[in-house]
N, C-alpha and C. Protein backbone atom coordinates (compact mmCIF):
# COMPACT_ATOMS: atom_id res chain seq x y z
N MET A 1 -6.78 -52.89 -61.83
CA MET A 1 -5.91 -52.15 -60.95
C MET A 1 -4.51 -52.73 -60.99
N GLY A 2 -3.50 -51.88 -60.83
CA GLY A 2 -2.11 -52.33 -60.88
C GLY A 2 -1.69 -53.04 -59.60
N ASP A 3 -0.46 -53.49 -59.62
CA ASP A 3 0.09 -54.12 -58.43
C ASP A 3 0.10 -53.12 -57.28
N LEU A 4 -0.04 -53.64 -56.06
CA LEU A 4 0.02 -52.77 -54.89
C LEU A 4 1.46 -52.69 -54.41
N LYS A 5 1.91 -51.50 -54.09
CA LYS A 5 3.24 -51.28 -53.54
C LYS A 5 3.11 -50.59 -52.21
N LYS A 6 4.09 -50.78 -51.37
CA LYS A 6 4.10 -50.16 -50.06
C LYS A 6 4.64 -48.75 -50.19
N GLY A 7 3.86 -47.77 -49.74
CA GLY A 7 4.28 -46.37 -49.79
C GLY A 7 3.88 -45.65 -48.53
N ARG A 8 4.83 -45.17 -47.74
CA ARG A 8 4.58 -44.44 -46.51
C ARG A 8 3.68 -45.21 -45.55
N GLY A 9 3.87 -46.51 -45.47
CA GLY A 9 3.13 -47.31 -44.50
C GLY A 9 1.78 -47.80 -44.98
N ILE A 10 1.40 -47.49 -46.23
CA ILE A 10 0.13 -47.96 -46.76
C ILE A 10 0.36 -48.60 -48.12
N SER A 11 -0.54 -49.45 -48.51
CA SER A 11 -0.45 -50.06 -49.84
C SER A 11 -1.23 -49.21 -50.83
N VAL A 12 -0.57 -48.85 -51.92
CA VAL A 12 -1.22 -48.05 -52.95
C VAL A 12 -0.97 -48.69 -54.30
N PRO A 13 -1.86 -48.45 -55.26
CA PRO A 13 -1.63 -49.00 -56.60
C PRO A 13 -0.32 -48.46 -57.17
N SER A 14 0.43 -49.32 -57.84
CA SER A 14 1.75 -48.94 -58.34
C SER A 14 1.68 -47.79 -59.35
N TYR A 15 0.58 -47.63 -60.07
CA TYR A 15 0.50 -46.55 -61.04
C TYR A 15 0.42 -45.18 -60.38
N LEU A 16 0.16 -45.12 -59.06
CA LEU A 16 0.13 -43.85 -58.36
C LEU A 16 1.49 -43.46 -57.79
N ILE A 17 2.44 -44.38 -57.82
CA ILE A 17 3.77 -44.10 -57.29
C ILE A 17 4.67 -43.66 -58.42
N SER A 18 5.23 -42.47 -58.26
CA SER A 18 6.13 -41.92 -59.28
C SER A 18 7.52 -41.77 -58.69
N THR A 19 8.51 -42.20 -59.41
CA THR A 19 9.87 -42.07 -58.91
C THR A 19 10.39 -40.65 -59.06
N THR A 20 9.70 -39.81 -59.82
CA THR A 20 10.16 -38.44 -60.00
C THR A 20 9.55 -37.50 -58.98
N GLY A 21 8.64 -37.99 -58.14
CA GLY A 21 8.06 -37.14 -57.11
C GLY A 21 6.90 -36.29 -57.58
N ASP A 22 6.37 -36.56 -58.75
CA ASP A 22 5.22 -35.82 -59.22
C ASP A 22 4.17 -36.79 -59.75
N LEU A 23 3.13 -36.25 -60.31
CA LEU A 23 2.06 -37.09 -60.84
C LEU A 23 2.15 -37.22 -62.36
N SER A 24 3.36 -37.11 -62.92
CA SER A 24 3.52 -37.11 -64.37
C SER A 24 3.12 -38.43 -65.01
N CYS A 25 3.04 -39.49 -64.22
CA CYS A 25 2.66 -40.78 -64.79
C CYS A 25 1.17 -40.81 -65.14
N MET A 26 0.42 -39.84 -64.68
CA MET A 26 -1.01 -39.79 -64.98
C MET A 26 -1.24 -38.86 -66.17
N GLN A 27 -2.14 -39.25 -67.03
CA GLN A 27 -2.33 -38.52 -68.28
C GLN A 27 -3.27 -37.32 -68.16
N ASP A 28 -4.30 -37.45 -67.40
CA ASP A 28 -5.36 -36.46 -67.40
C ASP A 28 -5.06 -35.33 -66.41
N LYS A 29 -4.96 -34.10 -66.90
CA LYS A 29 -4.65 -32.94 -66.06
C LYS A 29 -5.70 -32.74 -64.97
N GLU A 30 -6.96 -32.93 -65.31
CA GLU A 30 -8.03 -32.76 -64.33
C GLU A 30 -7.88 -33.77 -63.20
N THR A 31 -7.50 -35.00 -63.53
CA THR A 31 -7.29 -36.02 -62.51
C THR A 31 -6.12 -35.64 -61.62
N LYS A 32 -5.05 -35.10 -62.20
CA LYS A 32 -3.91 -34.65 -61.41
C LYS A 32 -4.33 -33.56 -60.43
N GLU A 33 -5.10 -32.61 -60.93
CA GLU A 33 -5.56 -31.51 -60.08
C GLU A 33 -6.45 -32.03 -58.95
N MET A 34 -7.34 -32.96 -59.28
CA MET A 34 -8.22 -33.52 -58.27
C MET A 34 -7.42 -34.25 -57.19
N LEU A 35 -6.44 -35.04 -57.62
CA LEU A 35 -5.62 -35.77 -56.65
C LEU A 35 -4.80 -34.81 -55.78
N ALA A 36 -4.28 -33.74 -56.38
CA ALA A 36 -3.55 -32.75 -55.60
C ALA A 36 -4.47 -32.10 -54.57
N ASP A 37 -5.69 -31.78 -54.99
CA ASP A 37 -6.67 -31.21 -54.06
C ASP A 37 -6.97 -32.18 -52.92
N LEU A 38 -7.12 -33.45 -53.25
CA LEU A 38 -7.44 -34.45 -52.23
C LEU A 38 -6.29 -34.67 -51.25
N VAL A 39 -5.06 -34.66 -51.75
CA VAL A 39 -3.90 -34.78 -50.87
C VAL A 39 -3.89 -33.60 -49.90
N TRP A 40 -4.10 -32.39 -50.43
CA TRP A 40 -4.11 -31.20 -49.59
C TRP A 40 -5.24 -31.27 -48.56
N LEU A 41 -6.44 -31.61 -49.01
CA LEU A 41 -7.58 -31.68 -48.10
C LEU A 41 -7.37 -32.74 -47.02
N ASN A 42 -6.83 -33.88 -47.39
CA ASN A 42 -6.55 -34.92 -46.40
C ASN A 42 -5.51 -34.46 -45.38
N ALA A 43 -4.53 -33.68 -45.82
CA ALA A 43 -3.55 -33.14 -44.88
C ALA A 43 -4.20 -32.17 -43.91
N VAL A 44 -5.11 -31.35 -44.41
CA VAL A 44 -5.84 -30.43 -43.53
C VAL A 44 -6.65 -31.22 -42.50
N ILE A 45 -7.39 -32.20 -42.96
CA ILE A 45 -8.20 -33.02 -42.07
C ILE A 45 -7.33 -33.73 -41.03
N ALA A 46 -6.22 -34.30 -41.48
CA ALA A 46 -5.33 -35.01 -40.56
C ALA A 46 -4.78 -34.09 -39.49
N THR A 47 -4.33 -32.90 -39.88
CA THR A 47 -3.74 -32.00 -38.89
C THR A 47 -4.79 -31.47 -37.93
N GLU A 48 -5.99 -31.24 -38.41
CA GLU A 48 -7.06 -30.80 -37.51
C GLU A 48 -7.44 -31.91 -36.53
N LEU A 49 -7.46 -33.15 -36.99
CA LEU A 49 -7.77 -34.27 -36.09
C LEU A 49 -6.68 -34.44 -35.03
N ILE A 50 -5.44 -34.23 -35.41
CA ILE A 50 -4.36 -34.28 -34.43
C ILE A 50 -4.59 -33.23 -33.35
N GLN A 51 -4.97 -32.04 -33.77
CA GLN A 51 -5.20 -30.96 -32.81
C GLN A 51 -6.39 -31.28 -31.91
N ILE A 52 -7.45 -31.82 -32.47
CA ILE A 52 -8.62 -32.21 -31.66
C ILE A 52 -8.22 -33.26 -30.64
N THR A 53 -7.39 -34.22 -31.06
CA THR A 53 -6.91 -35.26 -30.15
C THR A 53 -6.12 -34.65 -29.00
N GLU A 54 -5.21 -33.74 -29.32
CA GLU A 54 -4.43 -33.10 -28.26
C GLU A 54 -5.32 -32.29 -27.32
N ASN A 55 -6.25 -31.54 -27.88
CA ASN A 55 -7.14 -30.74 -27.04
C ASN A 55 -8.00 -31.63 -26.14
N SER A 56 -8.53 -32.71 -26.70
CA SER A 56 -9.36 -33.63 -25.91
C SER A 56 -8.55 -34.27 -24.80
N SER A 57 -7.33 -34.66 -25.12
CA SER A 57 -6.45 -35.26 -24.12
C SER A 57 -6.17 -34.28 -22.99
N ALA A 58 -5.89 -33.04 -23.33
CA ALA A 58 -5.61 -32.03 -22.31
C ALA A 58 -6.82 -31.79 -21.41
N ILE A 59 -8.00 -31.79 -22.00
CA ILE A 59 -9.22 -31.59 -21.22
C ILE A 59 -9.43 -32.76 -20.26
N LEU A 60 -9.29 -33.97 -20.77
CA LEU A 60 -9.51 -35.16 -19.93
C LEU A 60 -8.45 -35.30 -18.84
N ARG A 61 -7.22 -35.00 -19.16
CA ARG A 61 -6.12 -35.14 -18.21
C ARG A 61 -6.03 -33.95 -17.25
N LYS A 62 -6.63 -32.84 -17.67
CA LYS A 62 -6.51 -31.57 -16.96
C LYS A 62 -5.04 -31.12 -16.90
N SER A 63 -4.32 -31.50 -17.95
CA SER A 63 -2.93 -31.10 -18.13
C SER A 63 -2.57 -31.38 -19.58
N PRO A 64 -1.47 -30.80 -20.04
CA PRO A 64 -1.08 -31.05 -21.43
C PRO A 64 -0.79 -32.53 -21.67
N PRO A 65 -0.92 -32.98 -22.92
CA PRO A 65 -0.55 -34.36 -23.25
C PRO A 65 0.93 -34.59 -22.94
N PRO A 66 1.33 -35.85 -22.76
CA PRO A 66 2.73 -36.14 -22.51
C PRO A 66 3.62 -35.59 -23.63
N ALA A 67 4.84 -35.25 -23.26
CA ALA A 67 5.79 -34.69 -24.23
C ALA A 67 6.03 -35.65 -25.39
N SER A 68 6.06 -36.95 -25.10
CA SER A 68 6.28 -37.92 -26.18
C SER A 68 5.16 -37.87 -27.21
N CYS A 69 3.94 -37.71 -26.75
CA CYS A 69 2.80 -37.60 -27.67
C CYS A 69 2.89 -36.31 -28.48
N ARG A 70 3.21 -35.22 -27.81
CA ARG A 70 3.31 -33.94 -28.52
C ARG A 70 4.40 -34.00 -29.59
N ALA A 71 5.51 -34.66 -29.29
CA ALA A 71 6.59 -34.79 -30.27
C ALA A 71 6.14 -35.63 -31.46
N GLU A 72 5.44 -36.73 -31.19
CA GLU A 72 4.95 -37.57 -32.28
C GLU A 72 3.91 -36.82 -33.11
N HIS A 73 3.04 -36.08 -32.45
CA HIS A 73 2.03 -35.31 -33.17
C HIS A 73 2.68 -34.26 -34.05
N GLN A 74 3.74 -33.63 -33.54
CA GLN A 74 4.43 -32.62 -34.35
C GLN A 74 5.05 -33.26 -35.59
N ALA A 75 5.63 -34.43 -35.44
CA ALA A 75 6.21 -35.13 -36.59
C ALA A 75 5.12 -35.48 -37.60
N LEU A 76 3.96 -35.91 -37.12
CA LEU A 76 2.85 -36.22 -38.02
C LEU A 76 2.36 -34.96 -38.75
N ARG A 77 2.28 -33.84 -38.01
CA ARG A 77 1.88 -32.57 -38.64
C ARG A 77 2.87 -32.20 -39.75
N GLU A 78 4.15 -32.32 -39.45
CA GLU A 78 5.17 -31.96 -40.44
C GLU A 78 5.08 -32.84 -41.68
N THR A 79 4.81 -34.12 -41.50
CA THR A 79 4.66 -35.02 -42.64
C THR A 79 3.45 -34.63 -43.47
N ALA A 80 2.32 -34.38 -42.80
CA ALA A 80 1.11 -33.98 -43.52
C ALA A 80 1.32 -32.66 -44.25
N LEU A 81 2.00 -31.72 -43.60
CA LEU A 81 2.27 -30.43 -44.24
C LEU A 81 3.17 -30.60 -45.45
N ALA A 82 4.19 -31.44 -45.34
CA ALA A 82 5.09 -31.67 -46.48
C ALA A 82 4.33 -32.26 -47.66
N MET A 83 3.42 -33.18 -47.38
CA MET A 83 2.60 -33.76 -48.45
C MET A 83 1.72 -32.70 -49.09
N ALA A 84 1.10 -31.87 -48.26
CA ALA A 84 0.23 -30.82 -48.78
C ALA A 84 1.03 -29.81 -49.60
N GLU A 85 2.19 -29.41 -49.10
CA GLU A 85 3.01 -28.42 -49.79
C GLU A 85 3.58 -28.96 -51.10
N ARG A 86 3.75 -30.26 -51.17
CA ARG A 86 4.28 -30.87 -52.40
C ARG A 86 3.33 -30.64 -53.57
N TYR A 87 2.05 -30.73 -53.32
CA TYR A 87 1.06 -30.62 -54.39
C TYR A 87 0.31 -29.30 -54.41
N ARG A 88 0.28 -28.59 -53.30
CA ARG A 88 -0.38 -27.29 -53.22
C ARG A 88 0.49 -26.34 -52.40
N PRO A 89 1.64 -25.94 -52.96
CA PRO A 89 2.54 -25.05 -52.20
C PRO A 89 1.92 -23.68 -51.99
N GLY A 90 2.29 -23.07 -50.86
CA GLY A 90 1.90 -21.68 -50.63
C GLY A 90 0.51 -21.47 -50.08
N THR A 91 -0.17 -22.51 -49.63
CA THR A 91 -1.49 -22.30 -49.03
C THR A 91 -1.30 -21.83 -47.59
N MET A 92 -2.37 -21.50 -46.93
CA MET A 92 -2.27 -21.00 -45.56
C MET A 92 -2.13 -22.11 -44.53
N LEU A 93 -1.98 -23.36 -44.95
CA LEU A 93 -1.91 -24.47 -44.00
C LEU A 93 -0.73 -24.33 -43.05
N ALA A 94 0.44 -23.99 -43.53
CA ALA A 94 1.61 -23.86 -42.65
C ALA A 94 1.38 -22.78 -41.59
N ARG A 95 0.85 -21.66 -42.01
CA ARG A 95 0.56 -20.57 -41.05
C ARG A 95 -0.46 -21.02 -40.03
N HIS A 96 -1.49 -21.67 -40.50
CA HIS A 96 -2.55 -22.15 -39.60
C HIS A 96 -2.00 -23.14 -38.59
N LEU A 97 -1.15 -24.06 -39.05
CA LEU A 97 -0.56 -25.03 -38.12
C LEU A 97 0.31 -24.35 -37.09
N GLY A 98 0.99 -23.29 -37.48
CA GLY A 98 1.80 -22.53 -36.53
C GLY A 98 0.96 -21.92 -35.43
N GLU A 99 -0.28 -21.60 -35.76
CA GLU A 99 -1.19 -21.05 -34.75
C GLU A 99 -1.72 -22.11 -33.80
N HIS A 100 -1.61 -23.39 -34.18
CA HIS A 100 -2.05 -24.47 -33.29
C HIS A 100 -1.16 -24.55 -32.06
N GLN A 101 0.08 -24.17 -32.20
CA GLN A 101 1.05 -24.40 -31.11
C GLN A 101 0.79 -23.53 -29.92
């Protein structure tokens, strides 16, 4: 495995970090497609977990989550969506997230 580099708050192998913003450093097209699928799927899972957290908080509090939490959750959703759109543009994830609000 290559050296670990810091990327978006996590350590990842340096061979996965591309300065051009794509996966061109990887040779195998199937591997690129699989990684793109996994990034997209992880973004879906992350945004759904954020929504579950907000819903659970609202139920327990019997009121909406604090505005600061909602703002942070929105920023996290936007980051996850940007990651998903980078590798799988045009999916229904953006529309679906809009329905969460």
